[in-house]
Amino acid sequence: MTAREEFIAGTNPNNANSFMQAGDLVRMGASIHFAWDAVAGRTYRIWISTNMLHGDWAPYSPALPSDINQRMNYSTHALPSRAIFRMECELSP
């Protein structure tokens, strides 16, 4: 990651143990639950793709802003039979 990407993610570029990760991902029947450590002043969005080779990504969650450092959660019930997820982080407006 670049220093700018580290700043946006709220991680420490001088610490290899400081990185953004999607955290917990639990599938329960037809629903899925995401949980991650969010940083204050950042907005997160979960993206989905059903084809990793073509990289056709679509927003899966609404914008999820965090005003404080916290454990964030997002659950949904619309889950295709096969899916790949990624998380995006940006500075909140």
PDB file of N, CA and C in Angstrom:
ATOM      1  N   MET A   1       0.836  -1.181   0.000  1.00  0.00           N
ATOM      2  CA  MET A   1       0.000   0.000   0.000  1.00  0.00           C
ATOM      3  C   MET A   1       0.881   1.244   0.000  1.00  0.00           C
ATOM      4  N   THR A   2       0.382   2.270  -0.629  1.00  0.00           N
ATOM      5  CA  THR A   2       1.091   3.543  -0.590  1.00  0.00           C
ATOM      6  C   THR A   2       0.827   4.226   0.750  1.00  0.00           C
ATOM      7  N   ALA A   3       1.606   5.244   1.078  1.00  0.00           N
ATOM      8  CA  ALA A   3       1.388   6.003   2.317  1.00  0.00           C
ATOM      9  C   ALA A   3       0.001   6.636   2.315  1.00  0.00           C
ATOM     10  N   ARG A   4      -0.455   7.095   1.159  1.00  0.00           N
ATOM     11  CA  ARG A   4      -1.794   7.689   1.061  1.00  0.00           C
ATOM     12  C   ARG A   4      -2.867   6.645   1.359  1.00  0.00           C
ATOM     13  N   GLU A   5      -2.718   5.445   0.802  1.00  0.00           N
ATOM     14  CA  GLU A   5      -3.683   4.369   1.059  1.00  0.00           C
ATOM     15  C   GLU A   5      -3.672   3.964   2.529  1.00  0.00           C
ATOM     16  N   GLU A   6      -2.477   3.949   3.140  1.00  0.00           N
ATOM     17  CA  GLU A   6      -2.376   3.657   4.575  1.00  0.00           C
ATOM     18  C   GLU A   6      -3.125   4.711   5.390  1.00  0.00           C
ATOM     19  N   PHE A   7      -2.965   5.985   5.022  1.00  0.00           N
ATOM     20  CA  PHE A   7      -3.654   7.070   5.723  1.00  0.00           C
ATOM     21  C   PHE A   7      -5.161   6.910   5.595  1.00  0.00           C
ATOM     22  N   ILE A   8      -5.642   6.643   4.394  1.00  0.00           N
ATOM     23  CA  ILE A   8      -7.081   6.491   4.182  1.00  0.00           C
ATOM     24  C   ILE A   8      -7.625   5.314   4.985  1.00  0.00           C
ATOM     25  N   ALA A   9      -6.887   4.220   5.025  1.00  0.00           N
ATOM     26  CA  ALA A   9      -7.336   3.041   5.768  1.00  0.00           C
ATOM     27  C   ALA A   9      -7.201   3.221   7.282  1.00  0.00           C
ATOM     28  N   GLY A  10      -6.422   4.233   7.701  1.00  0.00           N
ATOM     29  CA  GLY A  10      -6.227   4.464   9.125  1.00  0.00           C
ATOM     30  C   GLY A  10      -5.216   3.507   9.734  1.00  0.00           C
ATOM     31  N   THR A  11      -4.295   3.003   8.909  1.00  0.00           N
ATOM     32  CA  THR A  11      -3.282   2.080   9.393  1.00  0.00           C
ATOM     33  C   THR A  11      -1.940   2.795   9.528  1.00  0.00           C
ATOM     34  N   ASN A  12      -0.996   2.147  10.200  1.00  0.00           N
ATOM     35  CA  ASN A  12       0.323   2.716  10.444  1.00  0.00           C
ATOM     36  C   ASN A  12       1.311   2.167   9.419  1.00  0.00           C
ATOM     37  N   PRO A  13       1.835   3.001   8.530  1.00  0.00           N
ATOM     38  CA  PRO A  13       2.749   2.509   7.494  1.00  0.00           C
ATOM     39  C   PRO A  13       4.080   1.995   8.049  1.00  0.00           C
ATOM     40  N   ASN A  14       4.387   2.279   9.299  1.00  0.00           N
ATOM     41  CA  ASN A  14       5.631   1.822   9.917  1.00  0.00           C
ATOM     42  C   ASN A  14       5.465   0.533  10.719  1.00  0.00           C
ATOM     43  N   ASN A  15       4.265  -0.029  10.693  1.00  0.00           N
ATOM     44  CA  ASN A  15       3.983  -1.238  11.469  1.00  0.00           C
ATOM     45  C   ASN A  15       3.366  -2.286  10.544  1.00  0.00           C
ATOM     46  N   ALA A  16       4.099  -3.355  10.282  1.00  0.00           N
ATOM     47  CA  ALA A  16       3.614  -4.408   9.386  1.00  0.00           C
ATOM     48  C   ALA A  16       2.380  -5.116   9.941  1.00  0.00           C
ATOM     49  N   ASN A  17       2.135  -5.008  11.250  1.00  0.00           N
ATOM     50  CA  ASN A  17       0.962  -5.643  11.862  1.00  0.00           C
ATOM     51  C   ASN A  17      -0.269  -4.744  11.820  1.00  0.00           C
ATOM     52  N   SER A  18      -0.128  -3.556  11.269  1.00  0.00           N
ATOM     53  CA  SER A  18      -1.246  -2.618  11.155  1.00  0.00           C
ATOM     54  C   SER A  18      -1.751  -2.645   9.717  1.00  0.00           C
ATOM     55  N   PHE A  19      -2.880  -3.292   9.508  1.00  0.00           N
ATOM     56  CA  PHE A  19      -3.437  -3.390   8.164  1.00  0.00           C
ATOM     57  C   PHE A  19      -4.950  -3.499   8.220  1.00  0.00           C
ATOM     58  N   MET A  20      -5.591  -3.114   7.135  1.00  0.00           N
ATOM     59  CA  MET A  20      -7.046  -3.208   7.036  1.00  0.00           C
ATOM     60  C   MET A  20      -7.411  -4.614   6.598  1.00  0.00           C
ATOM     61  N   GLN A  21      -8.341  -5.206   7.310  1.00  0.00           N
ATOM     62  CA  GLN A  21      -8.822  -6.516   6.907  1.00  0.00           C
ATOM     63  C   GLN A  21     -10.322  -6.580   7.096  1.00  0.00           C
ATOM     64  N   ALA A  22     -10.942  -7.401   6.289  1.00  0.00           N
ATOM     65  CA  ALA A  22     -12.402  -7.489   6.306  1.00  0.00           C
ATOM     66  C   ALA A  22     -12.920  -8.046   7.620  1.00  0.00           C
ATOM     67  N   GLY A  23     -12.119  -8.764   8.372  1.00  0.00           N
ATOM     68  CA  GLY A  23     -12.557  -9.274   9.667  1.00  0.00           C
ATOM     69  C   GLY A  23     -13.385 -10.527   9.541  1.00  0.00           C
ATOM     70  N   ASP A  24     -14.438 -10.623  10.339  1.00  0.00           N
ATOM     71  CA  ASP A  24     -15.264 -11.826  10.373  1.00  0.00           C
ATOM     72  C   ASP A  24     -16.240 -11.848   9.215  1.00  0.00           C
ATOM     73  N   LEU A  25     -16.400 -13.009   8.647  1.00  0.00           N
ATOM     74  CA  LEU A  25     -17.365 -13.243   7.579  1.00  0.00           C
ATOM     75  C   LEU A  25     -18.041 -14.564   7.902  1.00  0.00           C
ATOM     76  N   VAL A  26     -19.322 -14.497   8.254  1.00  0.00           N
ATOM     77  CA  VAL A  26     -20.038 -15.688   8.685  1.00  0.00           C
ATOM     78  C   VAL A  26     -21.280 -15.864   7.826  1.00  0.00           C
ATOM     79  N   ARG A  27     -21.412 -17.041   7.240  1.00  0.00           N
ATOM     80  CA  ARG A  27     -22.608 -17.355   6.455  1.00  0.00           C
ATOM     81  C   ARG A  27     -23.548 -18.170   7.318  1.00  0.00           C
ATOM     82  N   MET A  28     -24.803 -17.724   7.373  1.00  0.00           N
ATOM     83  CA  MET A  28     -25.826 -18.420   8.151  1.00  0.00           C
ATOM     84  C   MET A  28     -27.028 -18.644   7.243  1.00  0.00           C
ATOM     85  N   GLY A  29     -27.109 -19.839   6.676  1.00  0.00           N
ATOM     86  CA  GLY A  29     -28.199 -20.129   5.743  1.00  0.00           C
ATOM     87  C   GLY A  29     -28.089 -19.252   4.515  1.00  0.00           C
ATOM     88  N   ALA A  30     -29.120 -18.478   4.245  1.00  0.00           N
ATOM     89  CA  ALA A  30     -29.145 -17.601   3.072  1.00  0.00           C
ATOM     90  C   ALA A  30     -28.638 -16.197   3.382  1.00  0.00           C
ATOM     91  N   SER A  31     -28.153 -15.968   4.598  1.00  0.00           N
ATOM     92  CA  SER A  31     -27.661 -14.636   4.947  1.00  0.00           C
ATOM     93  C   SER A  31     -26.160 -14.682   5.231  1.00  0.00           C
ATOM     94  N   ILE A  32     -25.562 -13.508   5.249  1.00  0.00           N
ATOM     95  CA  ILE A  32     -24.137 -13.395   5.539  1.00  0.00           C
ATOM     96  C   ILE A  32     -23.920 -12.203   6.469  1.00  0.00           C
ATOM     97  N   HIS A  33     -22.969 -12.363   7.379  1.00  0.00           N
ATOM     98  CA  HIS A  33     -22.686 -11.341   8.379  1.00  0.00           C
ATOM     99  C   HIS A  33     -21.207 -10.955   8.279  1.00  0.00           C
ATOM    100  N   PHE A  34     -20.943  -9.663   8.135  1.00  0.00           N
ATOM    101  CA  PHE A  34     -19.594  -9.114   8.084  1.00  0.00           C
ATOM    102  C   PHE A  34     -19.337  -8.343   9.372  1.00  0.00           C
ATOM    103  N   ALA A  35     -18.113  -8.413   9.891  1.00  0.00           N
ATOM    104  CA  ALA A  35     -17.715  -7.605  11.048  1.00  0.00           C
ATOM    105  C   ALA A  35     -16.252  -7.227  10.867  1.00  0.00           C
ATOM    106  N   TRP A  36     -15.912  -5.968  11.200  1.00  0.00           N
ATOM    107  CA  TRP A  36     -14.537  -5.493  11.038  1.00  0.00           C
ATOM    108  C   TRP A  36     -14.282  -4.339  11.989  1.00  0.00           C
ATOM    109  N   ASP A  37     -12.993  -4.055  12.215  1.00  0.00           N
ATOM    110  CA  ASP A  37     -12.597  -2.933  13.055  1.00  0.00           C
ATOM    111  C   ASP A  37     -12.549  -1.674  12.197  1.00  0.00           C
ATOM    112  N   ALA A  38     -13.455  -0.758  12.457  1.00  0.00           N
ATOM    113  CA  ALA A  38     -13.565   0.475  11.688  1.00  0.00           C
ATOM    114  C   ALA A  38     -12.795   1.603  12.366  1.00  0.00           C
ATOM    115  N   VAL A  39     -12.359   2.550  11.552  1.00  0.00           N
ATOM    116  CA  VAL A  39     -11.600   3.703  12.027  1.00  0.00           C
ATOM    117  C   VAL A  39     -12.477   4.946  11.909  1.00  0.00           C
ATOM    118  N   ALA A  40     -12.411   5.811  12.904  1.00  0.00           N
ATOM    119  CA  ALA A  40     -13.197   7.047  12.901  1.00  0.00           C
ATOM    120  C   ALA A  40     -12.884   7.876  11.661  1.00  0.00           C
ATOM    121  N   GLY A  41     -13.924   8.477  11.090  1.00  0.00           N
ATOM    122  CA  GLY A  41     -13.743   9.362   9.943  1.00  0.00           C
ATOM    123  C   GLY A  41     -13.609   8.637   8.611  1.00  0.00           C
ATOM    124  N   ARG A  42     -13.934   7.342   8.598  1.00  0.00           N
ATOM    125  CA  ARG A  42     -13.847   6.562   7.364  1.00  0.00           C
ATOM    126  C   ARG A  42     -15.237   6.041   6.995  1.00  0.00           C
ATOM    127  N   THR A  43     -15.427   5.817   5.717  1.00  0.00           N
ATOM    128  CA  THR A  43     -16.663   5.216   5.226  1.00  0.00           C
ATOM    129  C   THR A  43     -16.283   3.933   4.492  1.00  0.00           C
ATOM    130  N   TYR A  44     -17.028   2.876   4.780  1.00  0.00           N
ATOM    131  CA  TYR A  44     -16.744   1.559   4.222  1.00  0.00           C
ATOM    132  C   TYR A  44     -17.864   1.137   3.276  1.00  0.00           C
ATOM    133  N   ARG A  45     -17.509   0.313   2.324  1.00  0.00           N
ATOM    134  CA  ARG A  45     -18.496  -0.272   1.420  1.00  0.00           C
ATOM    135  C   ARG A  45     -18.009  -1.678   1.076  1.00  0.00           C
ATOM    136  N   ILE A  46     -18.941  -2.621   1.060  1.00  0.00           N
ATOM    137  CA  ILE A  46     -18.647  -4.000   0.681  1.00  0.00           C
ATOM    138  C   ILE A  46     -19.066  -4.181  -0.765  1.00  0.00           C
ATOM    139  N   TRP A  47     -18.174  -4.785  -1.548  1.00  0.00           N
ATOM    140  CA  TRP A  47     -18.421  -5.037  -2.963  1.00  0.00           C
ATOM    141  C   TRP A  47     -18.525  -6.540  -3.188  1.00  0.00           C
ATOM    142  N   ILE A  48     -19.234  -6.936  -4.237  1.00  0.00           N
ATOM    143  CA  ILE A  48     -19.431  -8.344  -4.550  1.00  0.00           C
ATOM    144  C   ILE A  48     -19.125  -8.610  -6.022  1.00  0.00           C
ATOM    145  N   SER A  49     -18.625  -9.806  -6.275  1.00  0.00           N
ATOM    146  CA  SER A  49     -18.434 -10.285  -7.641  1.00  0.00           C
ATOM    147  C   SER A  49     -18.762 -11.772  -7.649  1.00  0.00           C
ATOM    148  N   THR A  50     -19.334 -12.238  -8.713  1.00  0.00           N
ATOM    149  CA  THR A  50     -19.592 -13.670  -8.861  1.00  0.00           C
ATOM    150  C   THR A  50     -18.597 -14.300  -9.827  1.00  0.00           C
ATOM    151  N   ASN A  51     -17.671 -13.488 -10.343  1.00  0.00           N
ATOM    152  CA  ASN A  51     -16.677 -13.993 -11.282  1.00  0.00           C
ATOM    153  C   ASN A  51     -15.333 -13.308 -10.998  1.00  0.00           C
ATOM    154  N   MET A  52     -14.433 -14.030 -10.372  1.00  0.00           N
ATOM    155  CA  MET A  52     -13.146 -13.460  -9.994  1.00  0.00           C
ATOM    156  C   MET A  52     -12.258 -13.171 -11.207  1.00  0.00           C
ATOM    157  N   LEU A  53     -12.434 -13.903 -12.274  1.00  0.00           N
ATOM    158  CA  LEU A  53     -11.591 -13.713 -13.457  1.00  0.00           C
ATOM    159  C   LEU A  53     -11.889 -12.422 -14.201  1.00  0.00           C
ATOM    160  N   HIS A  54     -13.161 -12.032 -14.244  1.00  0.00           N
ATOM    161  CA  HIS A  54     -13.538 -10.837 -15.006  1.00  0.00           C
ATOM    162  C   HIS A  54     -13.595  -9.583 -14.149  1.00  0.00           C
ATOM    163  N   GLY A  55     -13.620  -9.729 -12.836  1.00  0.00           N
ATOM    164  CA  GLY A  55     -13.594  -8.569 -11.951  1.00  0.00           C
ATOM    165  C   GLY A  55     -14.782  -7.643 -12.090  1.00  0.00           C
ATOM    166  N   ASP A  56     -15.936  -8.187 -12.348  1.00  0.00           N
ATOM    167  CA  ASP A  56     -17.159  -7.388 -12.431  1.00  0.00           C
ATOM    168  C   ASP A  56     -17.684  -7.153 -11.021  1.00  0.00           C
ATOM    169  N   TRP A  57     -17.235  -6.079 -10.379  1.00  0.00           N
ATOM    170  CA  TRP A  57     -17.604  -5.777  -9.006  1.00  0.00           C
ATOM    171  C   TRP A  57     -18.805  -4.846  -8.963  1.00  0.00           C
ATOM    172  N   ALA A  58     -19.691  -5.087  -8.001  1.00  0.00           N
ATOM    173  CA  ALA A  58     -20.875  -4.246  -7.801  1.00  0.00           C
ATOM    174  C   ALA A  58     -21.006  -3.942  -6.314  1.00  0.00           C
ATOM    175  N   PRO A  59     -21.535  -2.762  -5.960  1.00  0.00           N
ATOM    176  CA  PRO A  59     -21.744  -2.465  -4.537  1.00  0.00           C
ATOM    177  C   PRO A  59     -22.700  -3.481  -3.922  1.00  0.00           C
ATOM    178  N   TYR A  60     -22.331  -3.996  -2.747  1.00  0.00           N
ATOM    179  CA  TYR A  60     -23.167  -4.968  -2.051  1.00  0.00           C
ATOM    180  C   TYR A  60     -23.807  -4.356  -0.816  1.00  0.00           C
ATOM    181  N   SER A  61     -23.149  -3.328  -0.277  1.00  0.00           N
ATOM    182  CA  SER A  61     -23.694  -2.647   0.896  1.00  0.00           C
ATOM    183  C   SER A  61     -23.838  -1.171   0.567  1.00  0.00           C
ATOM    184  N   PRO A  62     -24.638  -0.463   1.350  1.00  0.00           N
ATOM    185  CA  PRO A  62     -24.641   0.997   1.221  1.00  0.00           C
ATOM    186  C   PRO A  62     -23.343   1.536   1.825  1.00  0.00           C
ATOM    187  N   ALA A  63     -23.114   2.817   1.701  1.00  0.00           N
ATOM    188  CA  ALA A  63     -21.968   3.445   2.367  1.00  0.00           C
ATOM    189  C   ALA A  63     -22.179   3.299   3.873  1.00  0.00           C
ATOM    190  N   LEU A  64     -21.150   2.845   4.578  1.00  0.00           N
ATOM    191  CA  LEU A  64     -21.240   2.579   6.011  1.00  0.00           C
ATOM    192  C   LEU A  64     -20.228   3.458   6.749  1.00  0.00           C
ATOM    193  N   PRO A  65     -20.639   4.672   7.165  1.00  0.00           N
ATOM    194  CA  PRO A  65     -19.703   5.587   7.824  1.00  0.00           C
ATOM    195  C   PRO A  65     -19.447   5.208   9.279  1.00  0.00           C
ATOM    196  N   SER A  66     -18.233   5.523   9.734  1.00  0.00           N
ATOM    197  CA  SER A  66     -17.862   5.301  11.130  1.00  0.00           C
ATOM    198  C   SER A  66     -17.409   6.633  11.729  1.00  0.00           C
ATOM    199  N   ASP A  67     -18.097   7.074  12.780  1.00  0.00           N
ATOM    200  CA  ASP A  67     -17.741   8.326  13.459  1.00  0.00           C
ATOM    201  C   ASP A  67     -16.704   8.110  14.559  1.00  0.00           C
ATOM    202  N   ILE A  68     -16.570   6.852  15.014  1.00  0.00           N
ATOM    203  CA  ILE A  68     -15.628   6.522  16.089  1.00  0.00           C
ATOM    204  C   ILE A  68     -14.913   5.213  15.729  1.00  0.00           C
ATOM    205  N   ASN A  69     -13.789   4.931  16.403  1.00  0.00           N
ATOM    206  CA  ASN A  69     -13.154   3.625  16.259  1.00  0.00           C
ATOM    207  C   ASN A  69     -14.084   2.610  16.909  1.00  0.00           C
ATOM    208  N   GLN A  70     -14.496   1.615  16.144  1.00  0.00           N
ATOM    209  CA  GLN A  70     -15.482   0.668  16.651  1.00  0.00           C
ATOM    210  C   GLN A  70     -15.474  -0.621  15.844  1.00  0.00           C
ATOM    211  N   ARG A  71     -16.116  -1.635  16.380  1.00  0.00           N
ATOM    212  CA  ARG A  71     -16.349  -2.875  15.648  1.00  0.00           C
ATOM    213  C   ARG A  71     -17.634  -2.652  14.862  1.00  0.00           C
ATOM    214  N   MET A  72     -17.548  -2.691  13.537  1.00  0.00           N
ATOM    215  CA  MET A  72     -18.742  -2.475  12.701  1.00  0.00           C
ATOM    216  C   MET A  72     -19.280  -3.810  12.221  1.00  0.00           C
ATOM    217  N   ASN A  73     -20.581  -3.835  11.985  1.00  0.00           N
ATOM    218  CA  ASN A  73     -21.270  -5.027  11.529  1.00  0.00           C
ATOM    219  C   ASN A  73     -22.194  -4.691  10.374  1.00  0.00           C
ATOM    220  N   TYR A  74     -22.325  -5.628   9.454  1.00  0.00           N
ATOM    221  CA  TYR A  74     -23.283  -5.487   8.359  1.00  0.00           C
ATOM    222  C   TYR A  74     -23.792  -6.874   8.028  1.00  0.00           C
ATOM    223  N   SER A  75     -25.101  -7.022   7.974  1.00  0.00           N
ATOM    224  CA  SER A  75     -25.717  -8.304   7.628  1.00  0.00           C
ATOM    225  C   SER A  75     -26.671  -8.123   6.471  1.00  0.00           C
ATOM    226  N   THR A  76     -26.805  -9.163   5.683  1.00  0.00           N
ATOM    227  CA  THR A  76     -27.711  -9.121   4.550  1.00  0.00           C
ATOM    228  C   THR A  76     -28.290 -10.513   4.303  1.00  0.00           C
ATOM    229  N   HIS A  77     -29.396 -10.547   3.602  1.00  0.00           N
ATOM    230  CA  HIS A  77     -30.055 -11.824   3.330  1.00  0.00           C
ATOM    231  C   HIS A  77     -30.007 -12.203   1.859  1.00  0.00           C
ATOM    232  N   ALA A  78     -29.612 -11.285   0.992  1.00  0.00           N
ATOM    233  CA  ALA A  78     -29.572 -11.569  -0.446  1.00  0.00           C
ATOM    234  C   ALA A  78     -28.180 -12.067  -0.814  1.00  0.00           C
ATOM    235  N   LEU A  79     -28.003 -13.362  -0.874  1.00  0.00           N
ATOM    236  CA  LEU A  79     -26.690 -13.939  -1.125  1.00  0.00           C
ATOM    237  C   LEU A  79     -26.744 -14.928  -2.290  1.00  0.00           C
ATOM    238  N   PRO A  80     -25.969 -14.670  -3.350  1.00  0.00           N
ATOM    239  CA  PRO A  80     -25.917 -15.642  -4.439  1.00  0.00           C
ATOM    240  C   PRO A  80     -25.225 -16.921  -3.968  1.00  0.00           C
ATOM    241  N   SER A  81     -25.357 -17.994  -4.730  1.00  0.00           N
ATOM    242  CA  SER A  81     -24.767 -19.267  -4.321  1.00  0.00           C
ATOM    243  C   SER A  81     -23.247 -19.218  -4.283  1.00  0.00           C
ATOM    244  N   ARG A  82     -22.625 -18.406  -5.167  1.00  0.00           N
ATOM    245  CA  ARG A  82     -21.168 -18.227  -5.164  1.00  0.00           C
ATOM    246  C   ARG A  82     -20.868 -16.735  -5.251  1.00  0.00           C
ATOM    247  N   ALA A  83     -19.961 -16.293  -4.393  1.00  0.00           N
ATOM    248  CA  ALA A  83     -19.644 -14.864  -4.395  1.00  0.00           C
ATOM    249  C   ALA A  83     -18.266 -14.616  -3.806  1.00  0.00           C
ATOM    250  N   ILE A  84     -17.662 -13.536  -4.254  1.00  0.00           N
ATOM    251  CA  ILE A  84     -16.394 -13.055  -3.737  1.00  0.00           C
ATOM    252  C   ILE A  84     -16.652 -11.633  -3.241  1.00  0.00           C
ATOM    253  N   PHE A  85     -16.076 -11.286  -2.084  1.00  0.00           N
ATOM    254  CA  PHE A  85     -16.314  -9.965  -1.513  1.00  0.00           C
ATOM    255  C   PHE A  85     -14.999  -9.216  -1.357  1.00  0.00           C
ATOM    256  N   ARG A  86     -15.079  -7.899  -1.393  1.00  0.00           N
ATOM    257  CA  ARG A  86     -13.956  -7.041  -1.058  1.00  0.00           C
ATOM    258  C   ARG A  86     -14.513  -5.845  -0.304  1.00  0.00           C
ATOM    259  N   MET A  87     -13.654  -5.213   0.481  1.00  0.00           N
ATOM    260  CA  MET A  87     -14.075  -4.049   1.244  1.00  0.00           C
ATOM    261  C   MET A  87     -13.290  -2.833   0.760  1.00  0.00           C
ATOM    262  N   GLU A  88     -13.994  -1.721   0.667  1.00  0.00           N
ATOM    263  CA  GLU A  88     -13.398  -0.450   0.255  1.00  0.00           C
ATOM    264  C   GLU A  88     -13.505   0.521   1.421  1.00  0.00           C
ATOM    265  N   CYS A  89     -12.484   1.322   1.592  1.00  0.00           N
ATOM    266  CA  CYS A  89     -12.457   2.329   2.640  1.00  0.00           C
ATOM    267  C   CYS A  89     -12.102   3.668   2.016  1.00  0.00           C
ATOM    268  N   GLU A  90     -12.807   4.716   2.440  1.00  0.00           N
ATOM    269  CA  GLU A  90     -12.501   6.065   1.967  1.00  0.00           C
ATOM    270  C   GLU A  90     -12.684   7.034   3.112  1.00  0.00           C
ATOM    271  N   LEU A  91     -12.096   8.209   2.985  1.00  0.00           N
ATOM    272  CA  LEU A  91     -12.288   9.235   4.016  1.00  0.00           C
ATOM    273  C   LEU A  91     -13.729   9.712   3.963  1.00  0.00           C
ATOM    274  N   SER A  92     -14.334   9.863   5.121  1.00  0.00           N
ATOM    275  CA  SER A  92     -15.704  10.368   5.171  1.00  0.00           C
ATOM    276  C   SER A  92     -15.716  11.858   4.813  1.00  0.00           C
ATOM    277  N   PRO A  93     -16.791  12.277   4.154  1.00  0.00           N
ATOM    278  CA  PRO A  93     -16.876  13.709   3.791  1.00  0.00           C
ATOM    279  C   PRO A  93     -17.003  14.594   5.016  1.00  0.00           C
TER     280      PRO A  93
END
